[in-house]
């Protein structure tokens, strides 16, 4: 049976970070509800091909793609450092293949983006592109 592939864009729009601590960023998928993490149900796969971020102001920020297999404990699957070059300048991380999150990896597989802007509160924007497969 052919697999269903649905393109997806995961974004958080612009927001101001707290700056001093690492924080979970609010995200949405394809313009849907704003959440802190996105579920990856059993029998599906979330494939992220590109991870783009911008952070306005010095010294910029660091961003992590994180996965949880139990809905509680998260681990980093991808990371990106952004110099403080302004929101008009984007930095992109694109792996040789993709970041693949398999919904069968655990009882409650979820995905989130975590950010840190050590220089203080900064406006940031992140966008992940890829697809869901079922």
N, C-alpha and C. Protein backbone atom coordinates (compact mmCIF):
# COMPACT_ATOMS: atom_id res chain seq x y z
N UNK A 1 0.85 -1.17 0.00
CA UNK A 1 0.00 0.00 0.00
C UNK A 1 0.90 1.24 0.00
N UNK A 2 0.61 2.20 -0.88
CA UNK A 2 1.43 3.43 -0.90
C UNK A 2 1.28 4.21 0.40
N UNK A 3 2.37 4.86 0.79
CA UNK A 3 2.35 5.67 2.00
C UNK A 3 1.86 7.07 1.67
N UNK A 4 1.18 7.68 2.63
CA UNK A 4 0.68 9.04 2.47
C UNK A 4 1.76 10.00 2.97
N UNK A 5 2.10 10.98 2.16
CA UNK A 5 3.10 11.99 2.51
C UNK A 5 2.43 13.35 2.51
N UNK A 6 2.52 14.06 3.65
CA UNK A 6 1.91 15.38 3.78
C UNK A 6 2.98 16.41 4.09
N UNK A 7 3.22 17.39 3.21
CA UNK A 7 4.21 18.42 3.52
C UNK A 7 3.84 19.17 4.80
N UNK A 8 4.82 19.60 5.55
CA UNK A 8 4.52 20.38 6.75
C UNK A 8 5.55 21.48 6.95
N UNK A 9 5.08 22.56 7.53
CA UNK A 9 5.94 23.67 7.94
C UNK A 9 5.67 23.90 9.42
N UNK A 10 6.70 23.79 10.23
CA UNK A 10 6.59 24.00 11.66
C UNK A 10 7.24 25.33 11.96
N UNK A 11 6.48 26.26 12.54
CA UNK A 11 7.03 27.59 12.77
C UNK A 11 6.59 28.12 14.11
N UNK A 12 7.26 29.17 14.56
CA UNK A 12 6.85 29.83 15.79
C UNK A 12 6.63 31.30 15.57
N UNK A 13 6.86 31.79 14.37
CA UNK A 13 6.70 33.22 14.14
C UNK A 13 7.73 33.98 14.94
N UNK A 14 7.54 35.26 15.11
CA UNK A 14 8.46 36.06 15.91
C UNK A 14 8.01 36.07 17.35
N UNK A 15 8.95 35.95 18.26
CA UNK A 15 8.65 36.10 19.67
C UNK A 15 9.89 36.63 20.36
N UNK A 16 9.72 37.13 21.56
CA UNK A 16 10.86 37.62 22.34
C UNK A 16 11.17 36.58 23.40
N UNK A 17 12.41 36.13 23.43
CA UNK A 17 12.83 35.15 24.43
C UNK A 17 13.06 35.83 25.77
N UNK A 18 13.14 35.02 26.83
CA UNK A 18 13.47 35.58 28.14
C UNK A 18 14.97 35.85 28.24
N UNK A 19 15.75 35.11 27.45
CA UNK A 19 17.17 35.41 27.33
C UNK A 19 18.09 34.69 28.26
N UNK A 20 17.79 34.62 29.53
CA UNK A 20 18.77 34.12 30.49
C UNK A 20 18.73 32.60 30.66
N UNK A 21 17.67 31.95 30.26
CA UNK A 21 17.56 30.51 30.42
C UNK A 21 17.05 29.86 29.15
N UNK A 22 17.37 28.59 28.99
CA UNK A 22 16.85 27.83 27.86
C UNK A 22 15.34 27.69 28.02
N UNK A 23 14.60 27.86 26.95
CA UNK A 23 13.14 27.79 27.05
C UNK A 23 12.55 27.04 25.87
N UNK A 24 11.42 26.40 26.13
CA UNK A 24 10.67 25.72 25.08
C UNK A 24 9.91 26.79 24.31
N UNK A 25 10.06 26.79 22.99
CA UNK A 25 9.40 27.78 22.16
C UNK A 25 8.06 27.26 21.67
N UNK A 26 7.06 28.13 21.66
CA UNK A 26 5.74 27.76 21.16
C UNK A 26 5.81 27.59 19.65
N UNK A 27 5.22 26.51 19.13
CA UNK A 27 5.29 26.22 17.70
C UNK A 27 3.90 25.87 17.17
N UNK A 28 3.77 25.92 15.86
CA UNK A 28 2.54 25.45 15.22
C UNK A 28 2.92 24.73 13.93
N UNK A 29 2.05 23.84 13.50
CA UNK A 29 2.29 23.10 12.26
C UNK A 29 1.26 23.50 11.22
N UNK A 30 1.73 23.96 10.08
CA UNK A 30 0.87 24.35 8.96
C UNK A 30 -0.23 25.34 9.38
N UNK A 31 0.13 26.28 10.26
CA UNK A 31 -0.81 27.31 10.68
C UNK A 31 -1.84 26.85 11.70
N UNK A 32 -1.66 25.66 12.27
CA UNK A 32 -2.62 25.12 13.24
C UNK A 32 -2.46 25.73 14.62
N UNK A 33 -2.94 25.02 15.62
CA UNK A 33 -2.90 25.49 17.00
C UNK A 33 -1.46 25.65 17.49
N UNK A 34 -1.26 26.65 18.34
CA UNK A 34 0.06 26.90 18.94
C UNK A 34 0.22 25.97 20.14
N UNK A 35 1.32 25.21 20.15
CA UNK A 35 1.57 24.22 21.19
C UNK A 35 3.04 24.28 21.61
N UNK A 36 3.37 23.60 22.71
CA UNK A 36 4.77 23.54 23.14
C UNK A 36 5.49 22.36 22.51
N UNK A 37 4.76 21.33 22.10
CA UNK A 37 5.36 20.19 21.40
C UNK A 37 4.33 19.57 20.47
N UNK A 38 4.82 18.93 19.43
CA UNK A 38 3.95 18.30 18.44
C UNK A 38 4.00 16.79 18.59
N UNK A 39 2.86 16.12 18.63
CA UNK A 39 2.87 14.66 18.72
C UNK A 39 3.24 14.03 17.38
N UNK A 40 3.87 12.87 17.48
CA UNK A 40 4.15 12.04 16.31
C UNK A 40 3.51 10.68 16.62
N UNK A 41 2.27 10.48 16.17
CA UNK A 41 1.52 9.28 16.54
C UNK A 41 2.15 7.99 16.02
N UNK A 42 1.84 6.86 16.68
CA UNK A 42 2.30 5.56 16.18
C UNK A 42 1.88 5.36 14.73
N UNK A 43 2.75 4.73 13.96
CA UNK A 43 2.46 4.48 12.55
C UNK A 43 2.76 5.65 11.64
N UNK A 44 3.28 6.76 12.21
CA UNK A 44 3.64 7.92 11.40
C UNK A 44 5.10 8.28 11.64
N UNK A 45 5.62 9.09 10.74
CA UNK A 45 6.99 9.59 10.85
C UNK A 45 6.98 11.07 10.51
N UNK A 46 7.71 11.86 11.30
CA UNK A 46 7.92 13.28 11.00
C UNK A 46 9.34 13.41 10.48
N UNK A 47 9.50 13.91 9.26
CA UNK A 47 10.80 14.08 8.64
C UNK A 47 11.06 15.57 8.49
N UNK A 48 12.14 16.06 9.10
CA UNK A 48 12.51 17.48 9.02
C UNK A 48 13.73 17.59 8.13
N UNK A 49 13.56 18.29 7.00
CA UNK A 49 14.66 18.41 6.05
C UNK A 49 15.48 19.68 6.26
N UNK A 50 14.86 20.75 6.77
CA UNK A 50 15.57 22.02 6.98
C UNK A 50 15.12 22.65 8.30
N UNK A 51 16.07 23.30 8.96
CA UNK A 51 15.82 23.99 10.23
C UNK A 51 16.43 25.37 10.08
N UNK A 52 15.59 26.42 10.00
CA UNK A 52 16.03 27.79 9.78
C UNK A 52 15.73 28.64 11.01
N UNK A 53 16.68 29.46 11.41
CA UNK A 53 16.47 30.34 12.57
C UNK A 53 17.10 31.71 12.33
N UNK A 54 16.51 32.71 12.98
CA UNK A 54 17.08 34.06 13.01
C UNK A 54 16.91 34.59 14.42
N UNK A 55 17.93 35.30 14.90
CA UNK A 55 17.86 35.93 16.23
C UNK A 55 18.42 37.34 16.09
N UNK A 56 17.63 38.33 16.45
CA UNK A 56 18.05 39.72 16.31
C UNK A 56 18.86 40.18 17.50
N UNK A 57 20.02 40.76 17.27
CA UNK A 57 20.83 41.30 18.36
C UNK A 57 21.98 40.39 18.75
N UNK A 58 22.99 40.98 19.39
CA UNK A 58 24.16 40.21 19.82
C UNK A 58 23.89 39.60 21.18
N UNK A 59 24.44 38.44 21.49
CA UNK A 59 25.28 37.60 20.64
C UNK A 59 24.50 36.56 19.85
N UNK A 60 23.21 36.72 19.67
CA UNK A 60 22.43 35.75 18.92
C UNK A 60 21.83 34.71 19.83
N UNK A 61 21.74 33.46 19.34
CA UNK A 61 21.13 32.43 20.16
C UNK A 61 21.48 31.04 19.69
N UNK A 62 21.06 30.07 20.50
CA UNK A 62 21.23 28.67 20.13
C UNK A 62 19.86 28.00 20.19
N UNK A 63 19.63 27.10 19.26
CA UNK A 63 18.34 26.45 19.13
C UNK A 63 18.55 24.96 18.96
N UNK A 64 17.64 24.17 19.56
CA UNK A 64 17.75 22.71 19.49
C UNK A 64 16.43 22.11 19.05
N UNK A 65 16.52 21.10 18.19
CA UNK A 65 15.38 20.24 17.88
C UNK A 65 15.45 19.11 18.88
N UNK A 66 14.35 18.85 19.58
CA UNK A 66 14.35 17.80 20.59
C UNK A 66 13.20 16.83 20.39
N UNK A 67 13.46 15.58 20.76
CA UNK A 67 12.48 14.50 20.65
C UNK A 67 12.28 13.86 22.01
N UNK A 68 11.08 13.42 22.28
CA UNK A 68 10.77 12.62 23.46
C UNK A 68 10.04 11.37 23.01
N UNK A 69 10.40 10.24 23.59
CA UNK A 69 9.69 9.00 23.26
C UNK A 69 8.64 8.65 24.31
N UNK A 70 8.69 9.34 25.46
CA UNK A 70 7.73 9.08 26.53
C UNK A 70 6.87 10.29 26.88
N UNK A 71 7.07 11.41 26.18
CA UNK A 71 6.32 12.63 26.44
C UNK A 71 6.84 13.43 27.62
N UNK A 72 7.92 12.97 28.26
CA UNK A 72 8.46 13.63 29.45
C UNK A 72 9.94 13.99 29.28
N UNK A 73 10.77 13.00 28.98
CA UNK A 73 12.22 13.19 28.86
C UNK A 73 12.58 13.49 27.40
N UNK A 74 13.23 14.64 27.18
CA UNK A 74 13.60 15.05 25.82
C UNK A 74 15.11 14.92 25.61
N UNK A 75 15.50 14.62 24.37
CA UNK A 75 16.91 14.59 23.98
C UNK A 75 17.07 15.36 22.68
N UNK A 76 18.25 15.91 22.47
CA UNK A 76 18.52 16.76 21.31
C UNK A 76 18.86 15.91 20.10
N UNK A 77 18.19 16.20 18.97
CA UNK A 77 18.48 15.50 17.71
C UNK A 77 19.13 16.42 16.68
N UNK A 78 19.10 17.74 16.91
CA UNK A 78 19.72 18.71 16.01
C UNK A 78 19.92 20.03 16.73
N UNK A 79 20.93 20.78 16.33
CA UNK A 79 21.22 22.06 17.00
C UNK A 79 21.70 23.07 15.97
N UNK A 80 21.50 24.36 16.31
CA UNK A 80 21.85 25.45 15.41
C UNK A 80 22.25 26.67 16.24
N UNK A 81 23.39 27.25 15.92
CA UNK A 81 23.86 28.49 16.56
C UNK A 81 23.63 29.64 15.59
N UNK A 82 23.10 30.75 16.10
CA UNK A 82 22.80 31.91 15.26
C UNK A 82 23.56 33.12 15.81
N UNK A 83 24.37 33.77 14.98
CA UNK A 83 25.02 35.02 15.37
C UNK A 83 23.98 36.13 15.39
N UNK A 84 24.20 37.13 16.22
CA UNK A 84 23.25 38.24 16.31
C UNK A 84 23.35 39.15 15.11
N UNK A 85 22.73 38.77 14.02
CA UNK A 85 22.84 39.53 12.78
C UNK A 85 21.55 40.22 12.37
N UNK A 86 20.53 40.12 13.21
CA UNK A 86 19.26 40.73 12.86
C UNK A 86 18.31 39.73 12.24
N UNK A 87 17.03 40.01 12.35
CA UNK A 87 16.03 39.07 11.87
C UNK A 87 15.99 38.94 10.35
N UNK A 88 16.63 39.84 9.64
CA UNK A 88 16.69 39.71 8.18
C UNK A 88 17.70 38.68 7.74
N UNK A 89 18.57 38.21 8.64
CA UNK A 89 19.60 37.23 8.31
C UNK A 89 19.24 35.88 8.91
N UNK A 90 19.14 34.88 8.06
CA UNK A 90 18.75 33.54 8.49
C UNK A 90 19.95 32.62 8.48
N UNK A 91 19.95 31.66 9.39
CA UNK A 91 20.94 30.59 9.41
C UNK A 91 20.16 29.29 9.24
N UNK A 92 20.63 28.42 8.35
CA UNK A 92 19.91 27.19 8.08
C UNK A 92 20.78 25.98 8.38
N UNK A 93 20.20 24.99 9.03
CA UNK A 93 20.84 23.70 9.21
C UNK A 93 20.08 22.70 8.36
N UNK A 94 20.81 22.00 7.51
CA UNK A 94 20.19 21.00 6.65
C UNK A 94 21.09 19.77 6.66
N UNK A 95 20.66 18.68 7.30
CA UNK A 95 21.51 17.49 7.37
C UNK A 95 21.64 16.84 6.01
N UNK A 96 22.58 15.90 5.89
CA UNK A 96 22.76 15.20 4.63
C UNK A 96 21.50 14.46 4.20
N UNK A 97 20.77 13.93 5.16
CA UNK A 97 19.52 13.25 4.83
C UNK A 97 18.37 14.03 5.44
N UNK A 98 18.07 13.79 6.71
CA UNK A 98 17.00 14.50 7.41
C UNK A 98 17.00 14.08 8.87
N UNK A 99 16.31 14.85 9.69
CA UNK A 99 16.03 14.41 11.06
C UNK A 99 14.73 13.64 10.97
N UNK A 100 14.74 12.39 11.41
CA UNK A 100 13.57 11.52 11.29
C UNK A 100 13.08 11.15 12.68
N UNK A 101 11.81 11.44 12.94
CA UNK A 101 11.20 11.12 14.22
C UNK A 101 10.10 10.10 13.95
N UNK A 102 10.29 8.90 14.47
CA UNK A 102 9.38 7.79 14.21
C UNK A 102 8.39 7.66 15.36
N UNK A 103 7.11 7.70 15.05
CA UNK A 103 6.07 7.58 16.07
C UNK A 103 6.04 6.25 16.79
N UNK A 104 6.73 5.25 16.25
CA UNK A 104 6.79 3.94 16.89
C UNK A 104 7.94 3.82 17.89
N UNK A 105 8.70 4.90 18.11
CA UNK A 105 9.85 4.84 19.02
C UNK A 105 9.47 4.75 20.49
N UNK A 106 8.23 5.03 20.84
CA UNK A 106 7.83 4.98 22.24
C UNK A 106 6.34 5.21 22.39
N UNK A 107 5.87 5.23 23.64
CA UNK A 107 4.43 5.35 23.87
C UNK A 107 3.86 6.75 23.62
N UNK A 108 4.69 7.79 23.66
CA UNK A 108 4.20 9.16 23.49
C UNK A 108 5.29 10.01 22.83
N UNK A 109 5.52 9.79 21.54
CA UNK A 109 6.59 10.49 20.82
C UNK A 109 6.15 11.92 20.52
N UNK A 110 7.00 12.88 20.88
CA UNK A 110 6.72 14.29 20.62
C UNK A 110 8.00 14.99 20.16
N UNK A 111 7.81 16.17 19.58
CA UNK A 111 8.91 16.98 19.03
C UNK A 111 8.73 18.41 19.52
N UNK A 112 9.84 19.09 19.83
CA UNK A 112 9.78 20.49 20.23
C UNK A 112 11.05 21.22 19.80
N UNK A 113 11.00 22.57 19.93
CA UNK A 113 12.16 23.42 19.68
C UNK A 113 12.47 24.17 20.97
N UNK A 114 13.74 24.17 21.36
CA UNK A 114 14.20 24.86 22.56
C UNK A 114 15.17 25.95 22.13
N UNK A 115 15.09 27.13 22.76
CA UNK A 115 15.98 28.23 22.41
C UNK A 115 16.62 28.88 23.62
N UNK A 116 17.76 29.50 23.38
CA UNK A 116 18.47 30.24 24.41
C UNK A 116 19.14 31.45 23.75
N UNK A 117 18.88 32.64 24.29
CA UNK A 117 19.55 33.86 23.81
C UNK A 117 20.31 34.44 24.99
N UNK A 118 21.58 34.06 25.17
CA UNK A 118 22.34 34.41 26.37
C UNK A 118 22.57 35.90 26.58
N UNK A 119 22.42 36.71 25.54
CA UNK A 119 22.64 38.15 25.69
C UNK A 119 21.44 38.89 26.24
N UNK A 120 20.36 38.18 26.51
CA UNK A 120 19.15 38.80 27.01
C UNK A 120 17.99 38.55 26.07
N UNK A 121 16.84 39.13 26.37
CA UNK A 121 15.66 38.92 25.53
C UNK A 121 15.90 39.41 24.09
N UNK A 122 15.59 38.56 23.12
CA UNK A 122 15.76 38.91 21.71
C UNK A 122 14.56 38.43 20.91
N UNK A 123 14.23 39.12 19.83
CA UNK A 123 13.23 38.57 18.91
C UNK A 123 13.86 37.42 18.12
N UNK A 124 13.15 36.29 18.04
CA UNK A 124 13.65 35.13 17.30
C UNK A 124 12.56 34.60 16.39
N UNK A 125 12.98 33.91 15.35
CA UNK A 125 12.07 33.23 14.44
C UNK A 125 12.71 31.90 14.05
N UNK A 126 11.93 30.82 14.05
CA UNK A 126 12.41 29.52 13.60
C UNK A 126 11.36 28.89 12.68
N UNK A 127 11.85 28.18 11.68
CA UNK A 127 10.96 27.46 10.77
C UNK A 127 11.62 26.13 10.44
N UNK A 128 10.86 25.04 10.55
CA UNK A 128 11.30 23.72 10.11
C UNK A 128 10.42 23.33 8.92
N UNK A 129 11.04 22.77 7.90
CA UNK A 129 10.26 22.27 6.78
C UNK A 129 10.51 20.78 6.63
N UNK A 130 9.54 20.08 6.15
CA UNK A 130 9.66 18.65 5.96
C UNK A 130 8.33 18.06 5.58
N UNK A 131 8.07 16.85 6.08
CA UNK A 131 6.80 16.20 5.78
C UNK A 131 6.48 15.15 6.84
N UNK A 132 5.20 14.81 6.90
CA UNK A 132 4.73 13.71 7.73
C UNK A 132 4.40 12.55 6.79
N UNK A 133 4.73 11.37 7.24
CA UNK A 133 4.47 10.18 6.43
C UNK A 133 3.68 9.17 7.25
N UNK A 134 2.67 8.60 6.65
CA UNK A 134 1.87 7.59 7.36
C UNK A 134 1.54 6.43 6.42
